[in-house]
N, C-alpha and C. Protein backbone atom coordinates (compact mmCIF):
# COMPACT_ATOMS: atom_id res chain seq x y z
N UNK A 1 -113.76 -25.96 -148.46
CA UNK A 1 -113.84 -27.21 -149.15
C UNK A 1 -112.47 -27.65 -149.86
N UNK A 2 -112.44 -28.81 -150.16
CA UNK A 2 -111.23 -29.45 -150.66
C UNK A 2 -111.53 -30.37 -151.71
N UNK A 3 -110.73 -30.60 -152.74
CA UNK A 3 -110.97 -31.61 -153.82
C UNK A 3 -110.52 -33.00 -153.19
N UNK A 4 -111.27 -34.03 -153.50
CA UNK A 4 -110.97 -35.39 -153.15
C UNK A 4 -111.19 -36.17 -154.37
N UNK A 5 -110.19 -36.99 -154.57
CA UNK A 5 -110.18 -37.83 -155.81
C UNK A 5 -110.13 -39.36 -155.42
N UNK A 6 -111.08 -40.19 -155.96
CA UNK A 6 -110.97 -41.53 -155.85
C UNK A 6 -110.12 -42.11 -156.96
N UNK A 7 -108.85 -42.28 -156.69
CA UNK A 7 -107.93 -42.67 -157.77
C UNK A 7 -108.11 -44.00 -158.33
N UNK A 8 -108.76 -44.91 -157.57
CA UNK A 8 -109.07 -46.22 -158.07
C UNK A 8 -110.06 -46.28 -159.19
N UNK A 9 -110.99 -45.26 -159.07
CA UNK A 9 -112.10 -45.15 -160.05
C UNK A 9 -111.75 -44.34 -161.30
N UNK A 10 -110.63 -43.58 -161.30
CA UNK A 10 -110.27 -42.70 -162.26
C UNK A 10 -109.98 -43.36 -163.53
N UNK A 11 -110.55 -42.95 -164.70
CA UNK A 11 -110.45 -43.56 -166.05
C UNK A 11 -109.23 -42.89 -166.75
N UNK A 12 -108.59 -41.96 -166.12
CA UNK A 12 -107.43 -41.20 -166.81
C UNK A 12 -107.88 -40.41 -168.10
N UNK A 13 -109.02 -40.01 -168.20
CA UNK A 13 -109.40 -39.20 -169.43
C UNK A 13 -108.77 -37.77 -169.51
N UNK A 14 -108.32 -37.31 -168.29
CA UNK A 14 -107.82 -35.90 -168.10
C UNK A 14 -108.83 -34.78 -168.37
N UNK A 15 -110.02 -35.17 -168.37
CA UNK A 15 -111.04 -34.11 -168.52
C UNK A 15 -111.02 -33.00 -167.46
N UNK A 16 -110.76 -33.46 -166.27
CA UNK A 16 -110.57 -32.51 -165.15
C UNK A 16 -109.42 -31.54 -165.31
N UNK A 17 -108.26 -32.02 -165.72
CA UNK A 17 -107.14 -31.24 -166.05
C UNK A 17 -107.41 -30.25 -167.15
N UNK A 18 -108.19 -30.68 -168.08
CA UNK A 18 -108.39 -29.84 -169.27
C UNK A 18 -109.19 -28.65 -168.91
N UNK A 19 -110.16 -28.72 -167.95
CA UNK A 19 -111.08 -27.54 -167.59
C UNK A 19 -110.52 -26.81 -166.39
N UNK A 20 -109.55 -27.25 -165.64
CA UNK A 20 -109.09 -26.55 -164.45
C UNK A 20 -108.48 -25.15 -164.74
N UNK A 21 -109.10 -24.07 -164.29
CA UNK A 21 -108.59 -22.75 -164.57
C UNK A 21 -107.28 -22.42 -163.94
N UNK A 22 -106.81 -23.17 -163.00
CA UNK A 22 -105.64 -22.90 -162.20
C UNK A 22 -104.43 -23.98 -162.48
N UNK A 23 -104.77 -25.00 -163.42
CA UNK A 23 -103.87 -26.05 -163.64
C UNK A 23 -103.43 -26.83 -162.44
N UNK A 24 -104.54 -26.95 -161.54
CA UNK A 24 -104.31 -27.73 -160.32
C UNK A 24 -104.35 -29.21 -160.44
N UNK A 25 -104.68 -29.69 -161.62
CA UNK A 25 -104.74 -31.09 -161.95
C UNK A 25 -103.96 -31.45 -163.23
N UNK A 26 -103.24 -32.55 -163.24
CA UNK A 26 -102.46 -32.77 -164.32
C UNK A 26 -102.28 -34.28 -164.48
N UNK A 27 -102.38 -34.86 -165.72
CA UNK A 27 -102.18 -36.25 -166.03
C UNK A 27 -100.70 -36.41 -166.01
N UNK A 28 -100.09 -37.28 -165.14
CA UNK A 28 -98.74 -37.64 -165.05
C UNK A 28 -98.57 -39.08 -165.17
N UNK A 29 -98.14 -39.58 -166.26
CA UNK A 29 -98.09 -41.01 -166.46
C UNK A 29 -99.41 -41.71 -166.38
N UNK A 30 -99.58 -42.52 -165.43
CA UNK A 30 -100.81 -43.22 -165.29
C UNK A 30 -101.62 -42.76 -164.13
N UNK A 31 -101.46 -41.52 -163.74
CA UNK A 31 -102.14 -40.94 -162.45
C UNK A 31 -102.41 -39.42 -162.75
N UNK A 32 -103.58 -39.04 -162.09
CA UNK A 32 -103.88 -37.63 -162.14
C UNK A 32 -103.32 -37.15 -160.80
N UNK A 33 -102.53 -36.04 -160.89
CA UNK A 33 -101.90 -35.33 -159.77
C UNK A 33 -102.66 -34.08 -159.48
N UNK A 34 -103.03 -33.97 -158.24
CA UNK A 34 -103.69 -32.73 -157.82
C UNK A 34 -102.75 -31.94 -157.03
N UNK A 35 -102.73 -30.62 -157.26
CA UNK A 35 -101.83 -29.77 -156.62
C UNK A 35 -102.71 -28.78 -155.78
N UNK A 36 -102.97 -29.07 -154.56
CA UNK A 36 -103.92 -28.32 -153.74
C UNK A 36 -103.42 -26.92 -153.50
N UNK A 37 -102.16 -26.55 -153.57
CA UNK A 37 -101.84 -25.15 -153.44
C UNK A 37 -102.18 -24.27 -154.61
N UNK A 38 -102.51 -24.89 -155.68
CA UNK A 38 -103.00 -24.09 -156.89
C UNK A 38 -104.46 -24.05 -156.93
N UNK A 39 -105.13 -25.03 -156.31
CA UNK A 39 -106.61 -25.27 -156.40
C UNK A 39 -107.38 -24.19 -155.67
N UNK A 40 -108.44 -23.68 -156.45
CA UNK A 40 -109.34 -22.67 -155.80
C UNK A 40 -110.73 -23.25 -155.52
N UNK A 41 -110.81 -24.67 -155.45
CA UNK A 41 -111.99 -25.28 -155.02
C UNK A 41 -113.28 -24.88 -155.87
N UNK A 42 -113.19 -24.56 -157.05
CA UNK A 42 -114.30 -24.02 -157.89
C UNK A 42 -115.29 -25.23 -158.23
N UNK A 43 -114.86 -26.38 -158.27
CA UNK A 43 -115.70 -27.54 -158.65
C UNK A 43 -115.94 -27.86 -160.04
N UNK A 44 -115.21 -27.08 -160.82
CA UNK A 44 -115.32 -27.28 -162.34
C UNK A 44 -114.92 -28.71 -162.60
N UNK A 45 -113.84 -29.22 -162.10
CA UNK A 45 -113.32 -30.65 -162.31
C UNK A 45 -114.39 -31.54 -161.83
N UNK A 46 -115.17 -31.41 -160.78
CA UNK A 46 -116.13 -32.28 -160.23
C UNK A 46 -117.19 -32.48 -161.40
N UNK A 47 -117.62 -31.47 -161.94
CA UNK A 47 -118.65 -31.43 -163.03
C UNK A 47 -118.09 -32.08 -164.35
N UNK A 48 -116.78 -32.00 -164.58
CA UNK A 48 -116.26 -32.42 -165.78
C UNK A 48 -115.96 -34.00 -165.81
N UNK A 49 -115.86 -34.57 -164.60
CA UNK A 49 -115.41 -35.90 -164.48
C UNK A 49 -116.56 -36.85 -164.92
N UNK A 50 -116.34 -37.68 -165.90
CA UNK A 50 -117.33 -38.65 -166.47
C UNK A 50 -117.44 -39.80 -165.45
N UNK A 51 -116.34 -40.18 -164.68
CA UNK A 51 -116.40 -41.36 -163.89
C UNK A 51 -116.94 -40.85 -162.45
N UNK A 52 -117.18 -39.58 -162.25
CA UNK A 52 -117.75 -39.20 -160.89
C UNK A 52 -116.80 -39.69 -159.77
N UNK A 53 -115.50 -39.49 -159.94
CA UNK A 53 -114.58 -39.85 -158.86
C UNK A 53 -113.93 -38.62 -158.12
N UNK A 54 -114.39 -37.42 -158.52
CA UNK A 54 -113.87 -36.27 -157.92
C UNK A 54 -115.02 -35.52 -157.19
N UNK A 55 -114.73 -35.16 -155.87
CA UNK A 55 -115.79 -34.51 -155.11
C UNK A 55 -115.15 -33.39 -154.28
N UNK A 56 -116.03 -32.46 -153.84
CA UNK A 56 -115.63 -31.39 -152.94
C UNK A 56 -115.97 -31.82 -151.49
N UNK A 57 -115.09 -31.86 -150.58
CA UNK A 57 -115.38 -32.38 -149.21
C UNK A 57 -115.04 -31.13 -148.27
N UNK A 58 -115.54 -31.28 -147.14
CA UNK A 58 -115.14 -30.22 -146.09
C UNK A 58 -113.79 -30.37 -145.80
N UNK A 59 -113.16 -29.16 -145.60
CA UNK A 59 -111.69 -29.16 -145.54
C UNK A 59 -111.33 -29.50 -143.99
N UNK A 60 -110.34 -30.32 -143.83
CA UNK A 60 -109.84 -30.78 -142.53
C UNK A 60 -108.55 -30.03 -142.19
N UNK A 61 -108.19 -30.14 -140.96
CA UNK A 61 -106.98 -29.51 -140.53
C UNK A 61 -105.78 -30.08 -141.41
N UNK A 62 -105.78 -31.34 -141.72
CA UNK A 62 -104.87 -31.88 -142.49
C UNK A 62 -104.70 -31.33 -143.92
N UNK A 63 -105.82 -31.14 -144.58
CA UNK A 63 -105.84 -30.53 -145.97
C UNK A 63 -105.46 -29.08 -145.95
N UNK A 64 -105.83 -28.40 -144.83
CA UNK A 64 -105.46 -26.95 -144.69
C UNK A 64 -103.99 -26.86 -144.68
N UNK A 65 -103.28 -27.72 -143.94
CA UNK A 65 -101.85 -27.70 -143.69
C UNK A 65 -101.22 -28.04 -145.04
N UNK A 66 -101.67 -29.01 -145.73
CA UNK A 66 -101.11 -29.41 -147.03
C UNK A 66 -101.20 -28.29 -148.05
N UNK A 67 -102.28 -27.53 -147.97
CA UNK A 67 -102.58 -26.44 -148.89
C UNK A 67 -101.56 -25.34 -148.74
N UNK A 68 -101.08 -25.04 -147.45
CA UNK A 68 -100.24 -23.98 -147.11
C UNK A 68 -98.77 -24.17 -147.65
N UNK A 69 -98.42 -25.48 -147.78
CA UNK A 69 -96.97 -25.83 -148.22
C UNK A 69 -96.73 -25.30 -149.63
């Protein structure tokens, strides 16, 4: 699984970053940054998002490659 964020719907509350046990999400300026190399895909951020713009999706070859970097 991999975290997917709909950035257009994000309300920048940073609730996801506050609950992430691995600091894989961070509010940087006017955008939430996701660091897939830190992410353990636990889904805590999904449940914490009041705007429901974060989801766990099936990992693709592209996201697996990005995670390894």
